[in-house]
Amino acid sequence: MENVLVPTDFSENSWNALEYAISFFKGSTCNFYLLHVSQINNGQVKAASIGLSLKRHDSESHIPSIERLDFFLRRAQKLPSSKKHRFSILHENGNLIDSIRKLVTEKQIDLIVMGTKGASGIKKLIIGSNTGEVITKVRCNNLVVPEKARVNIPMEIVFATDFNLSYSAAVLETISKVLKVDNAHLRVMNVAQRRSAALTGLQKNNKAYLKGYLDEHFPNSHSFHIITNKKVAPAIDCFVQSWNADMIVMVAKNLNFLQQILFGSTTEQVSFHSKTPFLVIHQ
């Protein structure tokens, strides 16, 4: 049984994230918790946006959040892929991060699913501040779904890593779950700044451990790749496009690597931000 938390601001990109998650888990028994957080700011209650922007029609702005959550719930229940799923709605007042942290513990959440709206303009960051805060401040796996992501089962998965951290049981278990959804192929890729760059002893040991695990459990559905590029994010972008990857996987503990991929890059540098979901694993 998977417990999935889906924060929503009632925008279409948050709906797309929910629809993607329902499709992804269509063969699994899941509890979906649909969450809306109203932030209290200077005596006023303000909707917490999960995506980069939230545009609401004037005709909708007066509708109470609980009613909009109920509509979101009924819309989800009508999807044909939701037969094995149970849905609950949650409404919180207060701080977004604090609310999510509390619910992760109370509901034993396995995965947080968030939508993010593709940015426009060459200096726009890939993900918004709220999404970024959830990824870095909440110890729970995060699946971030861009607005143009295809609603399908991922068959080609890129695991972007620099081999600088050991792979815990939690990381390997999560990767295994994703691969087993529909016998996907995992492409482990590392970016080297120059062709002659050699792995350190630590990197070699971590790579060998990961390879041993994959050789034992997924002998015919994984491969290792080294890409030469001075910049990490464009290298991953090129690799994702060349393999037509359906998902990118990263480990949250590797903050330096994560920073280069998600928080230090703009939409001018990469294109995967607009259509490729990425799974950030906490260990």
C-alpha atoms as a PDB file:
ATOM      1  CA  MET A   1       0.000   0.000   0.000  1.00  0.00           C
ATOM      2  CA  GLU A   2       1.459   3.338  -1.093  1.00  0.00           C
ATOM      3  CA  ASN A   3       0.507   6.580   0.630  1.00  0.00           C
ATOM      4  CA  VAL A   4       0.793   9.497  -1.795  1.00  0.00           C
ATOM      5  CA  LEU A   5       0.435  13.178  -0.878  1.00  0.00           C
ATOM      6  CA  VAL A   6      -0.536  15.577  -3.668  1.00  0.00           C
ATOM      7  CA  PRO A   7      -0.448  19.281  -2.693  1.00  0.00           C
ATOM      8  CA  THR A   8      -2.680  21.316  -4.962  1.00  0.00           C
ATOM      9  CA  ASP A   9      -3.344  24.965  -5.654  1.00  0.00           C
ATOM     10  CA  PHE A  10      -6.202  23.979  -8.017  1.00  0.00           C
ATOM     11  CA  SER A  11      -4.179  24.965 -11.078  1.00  0.00           C
ATOM     12  CA  GLU A  12      -4.031  22.765 -14.169  1.00  0.00           C
ATOM     13  CA  ASN A  13      -0.398  21.888 -13.552  1.00  0.00           C
ATOM     14  CA  SER A  14      -1.284  20.483 -10.121  1.00  0.00           C
ATOM     15  CA  TRP A  15      -4.108  18.509 -11.748  1.00  0.00           C
ATOM     16  CA  ASN A  16      -1.666  17.171 -14.340  1.00  0.00           C
ATOM     17  CA  ALA A  17       0.597  15.995 -11.520  1.00  0.00           C
ATOM     18  CA  LEU A  18      -2.278  14.133  -9.869  1.00  0.00           C
ATOM     19  CA  GLU A  19      -3.376  12.564 -13.156  1.00  0.00           C
ATOM     20  CA  TYR A  20       0.198  11.431 -13.813  1.00  0.00           C
ATOM     21  CA  ALA A  21       0.489   9.884 -10.335  1.00  0.00           C
ATOM     22  CA  ILE A  22      -2.826   8.043 -10.671  1.00  0.00           C
ATOM     23  CA  SER A  23      -1.731   6.614 -14.013  1.00  0.00           C
ATOM     24  CA  PHE A  24       1.712   5.678 -12.659  1.00  0.00           C
ATOM     25  CA  PHE A  25       0.187   3.744  -9.751  1.00  0.00           C
ATOM     26  CA  LYS A  26      -2.750   2.320 -11.705  1.00  0.00           C
ATOM     27  CA  GLY A  27      -1.700  -1.240 -10.922  1.00  0.00           C
ATOM     28  CA  SER A  28      -1.057  -0.596  -7.229  1.00  0.00           C
ATOM     29  CA  THR A  29      -3.310  -0.143  -4.239  1.00  0.00           C
ATOM     30  CA  CYS A  30      -2.796   3.454  -3.077  1.00  0.00           C
ATOM     31  CA  ASN A  31      -4.116   6.055  -0.695  1.00  0.00           C
ATOM     32  CA  PHE A  32      -4.069   9.494  -2.321  1.00  0.00           C
ATOM     33  CA  TYR A  33      -4.236  12.512  -0.016  1.00  0.00           C
ATOM     34  CA  LEU A  34      -5.174  15.713  -1.841  1.00  0.00           C
ATOM     35  CA  LEU A  35      -3.867  18.666   0.169  1.00  0.00           C
ATOM     36  CA  HIS A  36      -4.506  22.380  -0.021  1.00  0.00           C
ATOM     37  CA  VAL A  37      -2.728  24.744   2.360  1.00  0.00           C
ATOM     38  CA  SER A  38      -4.051  28.239   2.985  1.00  0.00           C
ATOM     39  CA  GLN A  39      -1.247  30.421   4.280  1.00  0.00           C
ATOM     40  CA  ILE A  40      -2.003  32.853   7.082  1.00  0.00           C
ATOM     41  CA  ASN A  41      -0.242  36.114   6.329  1.00  0.00           C
ATOM     42  CA  ASN A  42      -0.838  39.362   8.264  1.00  0.00           C
ATOM     43  CA  GLY A  43      -4.253  38.253   9.404  1.00  0.00           C
ATOM     44  CA  GLN A  44      -5.344  37.119   5.953  1.00  0.00           C
ATOM     45  CA  VAL A  45      -5.625  33.646   4.490  1.00  0.00           C
ATOM     46  CA  LYS A  46      -3.847  33.267   1.162  1.00  0.00           C
ATOM     47  CA  ALA A  47      -3.638  30.211  -1.104  1.00  0.00           C
ATOM     48  CA  ALA A  48      -0.244  28.515  -1.176  1.00  0.00           C
ATOM     49  CA  SER A  49       0.905  28.026  -4.749  1.00  0.00           C
ATOM     50  CA  ILE A  50       2.731  24.796  -5.536  1.00  0.00           C
ATOM     51  CA  GLY A  51       3.632  25.695  -9.103  1.00  0.00           C
ATOM     52  CA  LEU A  52       5.578  28.672 -10.385  1.00  0.00           C
ATOM     53  CA  SER A  53       2.438  30.722 -10.844  1.00  0.00           C
ATOM     54  CA  LEU A  54      -1.252  30.471 -10.134  1.00  0.00           C
ATOM     55  CA  LYS A  55      -3.867  32.175 -12.275  1.00  0.00           C
ATOM     56  CA  ARG A  56      -7.415  31.877 -11.054  1.00  0.00           C
ATOM     57  CA  HIS A  57     -10.524  33.138 -12.754  1.00  0.00           C
ATOM     58  CA  ASP A  58     -12.479  35.778 -10.842  1.00  0.00           C
ATOM     59  CA  SER A  59     -15.513  33.495 -10.843  1.00  0.00           C
ATOM     60  CA  GLU A  60     -13.534  30.867  -8.897  1.00  0.00           C
ATOM     61  CA  SER A  61     -11.792  33.088  -6.347  1.00  0.00           C
ATOM     62  CA  HIS A  62     -14.774  33.246  -4.000  1.00  0.00           C
ATOM     63  CA  ILE A  63     -15.315  29.470  -3.852  1.00  0.00           C
ATOM     64  CA  PRO A  64     -14.216  28.031  -0.471  1.00  0.00           C
ATOM     65  CA  SER A  65     -11.120  25.838  -0.634  1.00  0.00           C
ATOM     66  CA  ILE A  66     -12.917  22.818   0.798  1.00  0.00           C
ATOM     67  CA  GLU A  67     -15.457  22.931  -2.043  1.00  0.00           C
ATOM     68  CA  ARG A  68     -12.713  23.185  -4.621  1.00  0.00           C
ATOM     69  CA  LEU A  69     -10.942  20.237  -2.994  1.00  0.00           C
ATOM     70  CA  ASP A  70     -14.149  18.250  -3.203  1.00  0.00           C
ATOM     71  CA  PHE A  71     -14.442  19.046  -6.907  1.00  0.00           C
ATOM     72  CA  PHE A  72     -10.784  18.004  -7.378  1.00  0.00           C
ATOM     73  CA  LEU A  73     -11.601  14.744  -5.591  1.00  0.00           C
ATOM     74  CA  ARG A  74     -14.643  13.945  -7.730  1.00  0.00           C
ATOM     75  CA  ARG A  75     -12.685  14.720 -10.880  1.00  0.00           C
ATOM     76  CA  ALA A  76      -9.943  12.286  -9.825  1.00  0.00           C
ATOM     77  CA  GLN A  77     -12.409   9.521  -8.965  1.00  0.00           C
ATOM     78  CA  LYS A  78     -13.773   9.603 -12.517  1.00  0.00           C
ATOM     79  CA  LEU A  79     -10.436   8.656 -14.047  1.00  0.00           C
ATOM     80  CA  PRO A  80     -10.505   5.053 -15.343  1.00  0.00           C
ATOM     81  CA  SER A  81      -7.066   4.272 -13.890  1.00  0.00           C
ATOM     82  CA  SER A  82      -8.132   5.045 -10.305  1.00  0.00           C
ATOM     83  CA  LYS A  83     -10.065   1.840  -9.517  1.00  0.00           C
ATOM     84  CA  LYS A  84      -7.518   0.578  -6.961  1.00  0.00           C
ATOM     85  CA  HIS A  85      -7.150   3.931  -5.287  1.00  0.00           C
ATOM     86  CA  ARG A  86      -8.713   5.601  -2.262  1.00  0.00           C
ATOM     87  CA  PHE A  87      -8.849   9.377  -2.082  1.00  0.00           C
ATOM     88  CA  SER A  88      -9.015  11.765   0.869  1.00  0.00           C
ATOM     89  CA  ILE A  89      -9.000  15.549   0.954  1.00  0.00           C
ATOM     90  CA  LEU A  90      -7.007  17.567   3.480  1.00  0.00           C
ATOM     91  CA  HIS A  91      -7.187  21.281   4.171  1.00  0.00           C
ATOM     92  CA  GLU A  92      -4.641  23.072   6.339  1.00  0.00           C
ATOM     93  CA  ASN A  93      -4.139  26.663   7.435  1.00  0.00           C
ATOM     94  CA  GLY A  94      -0.590  27.826   8.008  1.00  0.00           C
ATOM     95  CA  ASN A  95       2.854  27.254   6.596  1.00  0.00           C
ATOM     96  CA  LEU A  96       3.154  24.975   3.561  1.00  0.00           C
ATOM     97  CA  ILE A  97       6.359  23.193   4.642  1.00  0.00           C
ATOM     98  CA  ASP A  98       5.213  22.708   8.235  1.00  0.00           C
ATOM     99  CA  SER A  99       1.876  21.302   7.066  1.00  0.00           C
ATOM    100  CA  ILE A 100       3.509  18.861   4.670  1.00  0.00           C
ATOM    101  CA  ARG A 101       6.043  17.727   7.293  1.00  0.00           C
ATOM    102  CA  LYS A 102       3.258  17.054   9.764  1.00  0.00           C
ATOM    103  CA  LEU A 103       1.186  15.062   7.266  1.00  0.00           C
ATOM    104  CA  VAL A 104       4.188  13.038   6.067  1.00  0.00           C
ATOM    105  CA  THR A 105       4.487  11.759   9.647  1.00  0.00           C
ATOM    106  CA  GLU A 106       0.772  11.443  10.461  1.00  0.00           C
ATOM    107  CA  LYS A 107      -0.229   9.707   7.226  1.00  0.00           C
ATOM    108  CA  GLN A 108       3.057   7.794   6.754  1.00  0.00           C
ATOM    109  CA  ILE A 109       3.493   9.318   3.306  1.00  0.00           C
ATOM    110  CA  ASP A 110       5.740   7.422   0.878  1.00  0.00           C
ATOM    111  CA  LEU A 111       5.740   9.968  -1.933  1.00  0.00           C
ATOM    112  CA  ILE A 112       4.909  13.637  -2.482  1.00  0.00           C
ATOM    113  CA  VAL A 113       3.759  14.481  -6.003  1.00  0.00           C
ATOM    114  CA  MET A 114       3.908  18.091  -7.184  1.00  0.00           C
ATOM    115  CA  GLY A 115       3.236  19.867 -10.433  1.00  0.00           C
ATOM    116  CA  THR A 116       5.478  22.605 -11.722  1.00  0.00           C
ATOM    117  CA  LYS A 117       4.684  25.086 -14.459  1.00  0.00           C
ATOM    118  CA  GLY A 118       7.216  25.487 -17.262  1.00  0.00           C
ATOM    119  CA  ALA A 119       8.888  28.861 -16.938  1.00  0.00           C
ATOM    120  CA  SER A 120       9.104  31.405 -19.713  1.00  0.00           C
ATOM    121  CA  GLY A 121      12.087  33.654 -20.275  1.00  0.00           C
ATOM    122  CA  ILE A 122      15.745  32.680 -20.427  1.00  0.00           C
ATOM    123  CA  LYS A 123      16.517  33.528 -16.802  1.00  0.00           C
ATOM    124  CA  LYS A 124      13.651  31.637 -15.215  1.00  0.00           C
ATOM    125  CA  LEU A 125      14.710  28.803 -12.934  1.00  0.00           C
ATOM    126  CA  ILE A 126      13.529  25.290 -13.652  1.00  0.00           C
ATOM    127  CA  ILE A 127      11.403  24.914 -10.531  1.00  0.00           C
ATOM    128  CA  GLY A 128       9.599  27.359  -8.278  1.00  0.00           C
ATOM    129  CA  SER A 129      10.526  28.280  -4.735  1.00  0.00           C
ATOM    130  CA  ASN A 130       7.756  26.263  -3.050  1.00  0.00           C
ATOM    131  CA  THR A 131       8.598  23.106  -4.971  1.00  0.00           C
ATOM    132  CA  GLY A 132      12.282  23.629  -4.252  1.00  0.00           C
ATOM    133  CA  GLU A 133      11.625  24.048  -0.540  1.00  0.00           C
ATOM    134  CA  VAL A 134       9.586  20.858  -0.362  1.00  0.00           C
ATOM    135  CA  ILE A 135      12.353  18.922  -2.122  1.00  0.00           C
ATOM    136  CA  THR A 136      15.111  20.189   0.171  1.00  0.00           C
ATOM    137  CA  LYS A 137      13.287  20.625   3.490  1.00  0.00           C
ATOM    138  CA  VAL A 138      10.900  17.665   3.676  1.00  0.00           C
ATOM    139  CA  ARG A 139      12.462  14.229   4.146  1.00  0.00           C
ATOM    140  CA  CYS A 140      10.201  12.343   1.792  1.00  0.00           C
ATOM    141  CA  ASN A 141      10.554  11.164  -1.801  1.00  0.00           C
ATOM    142  CA  ASN A 142       9.331  13.744  -4.301  1.00  0.00           C
ATOM    143  CA  LEU A 143       7.979  13.265  -7.796  1.00  0.00           C
ATOM    144  CA  VAL A 144       7.887  16.556  -9.704  1.00  0.00           C
ATOM    145  CA  VAL A 145       5.695  16.556 -12.813  1.00  0.00           C
ATOM    146  CA  PRO A 146       6.120  19.357 -15.389  1.00  0.00           C
ATOM    147  CA  GLU A 147       3.017  20.716 -17.075  1.00  0.00           C
ATOM    148  CA  LYS A 148       3.816  19.104 -20.450  1.00  0.00           C
ATOM    149  CA  ALA A 149       4.714  15.665 -19.086  1.00  0.00           C
ATOM    150  CA  ARG A 150       3.150  12.732 -20.913  1.00  0.00           C
ATOM    151  CA  VAL A 151       0.786  10.671 -18.796  1.00  0.00           C
ATOM    152  CA  ASN A 152       2.368   7.274 -19.352  1.00  0.00           C
ATOM    153  CA  ILE A 153       4.330   4.554 -17.591  1.00  0.00           C
ATOM    154  CA  PRO A 154       8.065   5.383 -17.694  1.00  0.00           C
ATOM    155  CA  MET A 155      10.014   2.833 -19.723  1.00  0.00           C
ATOM    156  CA  GLU A 156      13.309   4.716 -20.098  1.00  0.00           C
ATOM    157  CA  ILE A 157      14.624   6.075 -16.787  1.00  0.00           C
ATOM    158  CA  VAL A 158      17.800   8.109 -16.333  1.00  0.00           C
ATOM    159  CA  PHE A 159      19.525   7.905 -12.949  1.00  0.00           C
ATOM    160  CA  ALA A 160      21.798  10.959 -12.774  1.00  0.00           C
ATOM    161  CA  THR A 161      24.569  10.498 -10.207  1.00  0.00           C
ATOM    162  CA  ASP A 162      28.218  11.404  -9.608  1.00  0.00           C
ATOM    163  CA  PHE A 163      28.912   8.304  -7.466  1.00  0.00           C
ATOM    164  CA  ASN A 164      30.000  10.506  -4.552  1.00  0.00           C
ATOM    165  CA  LEU A 165      27.544   9.025  -2.061  1.00  0.00           C
ATOM    166  CA  SER A 166      26.745   5.520  -0.958  1.00  0.00           C
ATOM    167  CA  TYR A 167      23.423   4.073  -2.068  1.00  0.00           C
ATOM    168  CA  SER A 168      21.286   3.207   0.929  1.00  0.00           C
ATOM    169  CA  ALA A 169      18.660   0.486   1.089  1.00  0.00           C
ATOM    170  CA  ALA A 170      15.978   3.196   0.816  1.00  0.00           C
ATOM    171  CA  VAL A 171      17.446   4.510  -2.454  1.00  0.00           C
ATOM    172  CA  LEU A 172      17.824   1.056  -4.000  1.00  0.00           C
ATOM    173  CA  GLU A 173      14.334   0.004  -2.886  1.00  0.00           C
ATOM    174  CA  THR A 174      12.769   3.092  -4.471  1.00  0.00           C
ATOM    175  CA  ILE A 175      14.637   2.580  -7.741  1.00  0.00           C
ATOM    176  CA  SER A 176      13.542  -1.065  -7.741  1.00  0.00           C
ATOM    177  CA  LYS A 177       9.893  -0.099  -7.294  1.00  0.00           C
ATOM    178  CA  VAL A 178      10.043   2.275 -10.251  1.00  0.00           C
ATOM    179  CA  LEU A 179      11.748  -0.290 -12.479  1.00  0.00           C
ATOM    180  CA  LYS A 180       9.227  -2.985 -11.571  1.00  0.00           C
ATOM    181  CA  VAL A 181       6.188  -0.896 -12.529  1.00  0.00           C
ATOM    182  CA  ASP A 182       6.499  -2.054 -16.134  1.00  0.00           C
ATOM    183  CA  ASN A 183       9.987  -3.544 -16.583  1.00  0.00           C
ATOM    184  CA  ALA A 184      11.644  -0.216 -17.316  1.00  0.00           C
ATOM    185  CA  HIS A 185      15.286   0.251 -18.358  1.00  0.00           C
ATOM    186  CA  LEU A 186      17.574   2.220 -16.039  1.00  0.00           C
ATOM    187  CA  ARG A 187      20.404   4.236 -17.598  1.00  0.00           C
ATOM    188  CA  VAL A 188      22.901   5.298 -14.939  1.00  0.00           C
ATOM    189  CA  MET A 189      24.743   8.365 -16.174  1.00  0.00           C
ATOM    190  CA  ASN A 190      27.670  10.323 -14.789  1.00  0.00           C
ATOM    191  CA  VAL A 191      28.991  13.628 -16.121  1.00  0.00           C
ATOM    192  CA  ALA A 192      32.774  14.039 -16.396  1.00  0.00           C
ATOM    193  CA  GLN A 193      34.182  17.506 -17.061  1.00  0.00           C
ATOM    194  CA  ARG A 194      36.922  16.052 -19.257  1.00  0.00           C
ATOM    195  CA  ARG A 195      37.339  12.750 -21.060  1.00  0.00           C
ATOM    196  CA  SER A 196      40.485  11.802 -19.141  1.00  0.00           C
ATOM    197  CA  ALA A 197      38.937  12.428 -15.698  1.00  0.00           C
ATOM    198  CA  ALA A 198      39.183   9.356 -13.469  1.00  0.00           C
ATOM    199  CA  LEU A 199      36.841   8.357 -10.652  1.00  0.00           C
ATOM    200  CA  THR A 200      38.146   8.614  -7.108  1.00  0.00           C
ATOM    201  CA  GLY A 201      38.437   5.534  -4.922  1.00  0.00           C
ATOM    202  CA  LEU A 202      35.166   6.441  -3.200  1.00  0.00           C
ATOM    203  CA  GLN A 203      33.364   6.886  -6.522  1.00  0.00           C
ATOM    204  CA  LYS A 204      34.695   3.558  -7.805  1.00  0.00           C
ATOM    205  CA  ASN A 205      33.470   1.734  -4.694  1.00  0.00           C
ATOM    206  CA  ASN A 206      30.022   3.319  -4.844  1.00  0.00           C
ATOM    207  CA  LYS A 207      29.705   2.601  -8.560  1.00  0.00           C
ATOM    208  CA  ALA A 208      30.756  -1.029  -8.020  1.00  0.00           C
ATOM    209  CA  TYR A 209      28.176  -1.438  -5.243  1.00  0.00           C
ATOM    210  CA  LEU A 210      25.387   0.008  -7.396  1.00  0.00           C
ATOM    211  CA  LYS A 211      26.426  -2.096 -10.376  1.00  0.00           C
ATOM    212  CA  GLY A 212      26.500  -5.247  -8.240  1.00  0.00           C
ATOM    213  CA  TYR A 213      22.979  -4.592  -7.007  1.00  0.00           C
ATOM    214  CA  LEU A 214      21.621  -3.928 -10.498  1.00  0.00           C
ATOM    215  CA  ASP A 215      23.450  -6.917 -11.982  1.00  0.00           C
ATOM    216  CA  GLU A 216      21.788  -9.160  -9.396  1.00  0.00           C
ATOM    217  CA  HIS A 217      18.255  -7.764  -9.493  1.00  0.00           C
ATOM    218  CA  PHE A 218      17.942  -6.253 -13.000  1.00  0.00           C
ATOM    219  CA  PRO A 219      20.597  -8.005 -15.098  1.00  0.00           C
ATOM    220  CA  ASN A 220      19.094  -7.192 -18.492  1.00  0.00           C
ATOM    221  CA  SER A 221      17.567  -3.785 -17.892  1.00  0.00           C
ATOM    222  CA  HIS A 222      20.333  -1.391 -16.888  1.00  0.00           C
ATOM    223  CA  SER A 223      23.399   0.264 -18.399  1.00  0.00           C
ATOM    224  CA  PHE A 224      26.121   2.712 -17.308  1.00  0.00           C
ATOM    225  CA  HIS A 225      27.121   5.815 -19.277  1.00  0.00           C
ATOM    226  CA  ILE A 226      29.725   8.564 -18.922  1.00  0.00           C
ATOM    227  CA  ILE A 227      29.046  11.924 -20.592  1.00  0.00           C
ATOM    228  CA  THR A 228      31.791  14.511 -21.092  1.00  0.00           C
ATOM    229  CA  ASN A 229      30.630  18.074 -20.506  1.00  0.00           C
ATOM    230  CA  LYS A 230      31.769  20.963 -18.319  1.00  0.00           C
ATOM    231  CA  LYS A 231      28.191  21.670 -17.244  1.00  0.00           C
ATOM    232  CA  VAL A 232      26.042  19.011 -15.593  1.00  0.00           C
ATOM    233  CA  ALA A 233      22.517  20.156 -16.470  1.00  0.00           C
ATOM    234  CA  PRO A 234      23.041  20.553 -20.251  1.00  0.00           C
ATOM    235  CA  ALA A 235      24.794  17.183 -20.318  1.00  0.00           C
ATOM    236  CA  ILE A 236      21.831  15.493 -18.648  1.00  0.00           C
ATOM    237  CA  ASP A 237      19.471  17.361 -20.965  1.00  0.00           C
ATOM    238  CA  CYS A 238      21.287  16.042 -24.043  1.00  0.00           C
ATOM    239  CA  PHE A 239      21.327  12.512 -22.631  1.00  0.00           C
ATOM    240  CA  VAL A 240      17.619  12.611 -21.745  1.00  0.00           C
ATOM    241  CA  GLN A 241      16.738  13.762 -25.249  1.00  0.00           C
ATOM    242  CA  SER A 242      18.962  11.200 -26.985  1.00  0.00           C
ATOM    243  CA  TRP A 243      17.293   8.299 -25.160  1.00  0.00           C
ATOM    244  CA  ASN A 244      13.829   9.901 -25.130  1.00  0.00           C
ATOM    245  CA  ALA A 245      13.772   9.315 -21.368  1.00  0.00           C
ATOM    246  CA  ASP A 246      10.475   9.251 -19.498  1.00  0.00           C
ATOM    247  CA  MET A 247      11.839  10.078 -16.040  1.00  0.00           C
ATOM    248  CA  ILE A 248      14.958  11.415 -14.313  1.00  0.00           C
ATOM    249  CA  VAL A 249      15.958  10.055 -10.894  1.00  0.00           C
ATOM    250  CA  MET A 250      18.245  11.845  -8.421  1.00  0.00           C
ATOM    251  CA  VAL A 251      19.205  11.468  -4.756  1.00  0.00           C
ATOM    252  CA  ALA A 252      18.396  14.408  -2.485  1.00  0.00           C
ATOM    253  CA  LYS A 253      21.365  13.841  -0.162  1.00  0.00           C
ATOM    254  CA  ASN A 254      23.742  14.719  -2.975  1.00  0.00           C
ATOM    255  CA  LEU A 255      22.970  18.421  -2.588  1.00  0.00           C
ATOM    256  CA  ASN A 256      25.831  19.686  -4.749  1.00  0.00           C
ATOM    257  CA  PHE A 257      24.743  17.563  -7.690  1.00  0.00           C
ATOM    258  CA  LEU A 258      21.080  18.415  -7.148  1.00  0.00           C
ATOM    259  CA  GLN A 259      21.952  22.113  -7.009  1.00  0.00           C
ATOM    260  CA  GLN A 260      23.660  21.972 -10.402  1.00  0.00           C
ATOM    261  CA  ILE A 261      20.762  20.136 -12.020  1.00  0.00           C
ATOM    262  CA  LEU A 262      17.684  21.860 -10.620  1.00  0.00           C
ATOM    263  CA  PHE A 263      18.531  25.060  -8.807  1.00  0.00           C
ATOM    264  CA  GLY A 264      21.529  26.341 -10.734  1.00  0.00           C
ATOM    265  CA  SER A 265      20.060  25.958 -14.208  1.00  0.00           C
ATOM    266  CA  THR A 266      17.649  27.996 -16.272  1.00  0.00           C
ATOM    267  CA  THR A 267      15.231  27.085 -19.002  1.00  0.00           C
ATOM    268  CA  GLU A 268      17.708  28.437 -21.540  1.00  0.00           C
ATOM    269  CA  GLN A 269      20.196  25.718 -20.579  1.00  0.00           C
ATOM    270  CA  VAL A 270      17.871  22.723 -20.477  1.00  0.00           C
ATOM    271  CA  SER A 271      14.628  21.575 -22.057  1.00  0.00           C
ATOM    272  CA  PHE A 272      13.756  18.579 -19.869  1.00  0.00           C
ATOM    273  CA  HIS A 273      12.105  20.949 -17.388  1.00  0.00           C
ATOM    274  CA  SER A 274       8.987  21.196 -19.539  1.00  0.00           C
ATOM    275  CA  LYS A 275       8.155  17.536 -20.114  1.00  0.00           C
ATOM    276  CA  THR A 276      10.269  15.068 -18.097  1.00  0.00           C
ATOM    277  CA  PRO A 277       9.167  14.149 -14.558  1.00  0.00           C
ATOM    278  CA  PHE A 278      11.963  13.836 -12.041  1.00  0.00           C
ATOM    279  CA  LEU A 279      11.997  11.719  -8.913  1.00  0.00           C
ATOM    280  CA  VAL A 280      14.084  12.984  -5.986  1.00  0.00           C
ATOM    281  CA  ILE A 281      14.845  10.205  -3.499  1.00  0.00           C
ATOM    282  CA  HIS A 282      15.542  10.891   0.166  1.00  0.00           C
ATOM    283  CA  GLN A 283      17.543   8.342   2.115  1.00  0.00           C
END
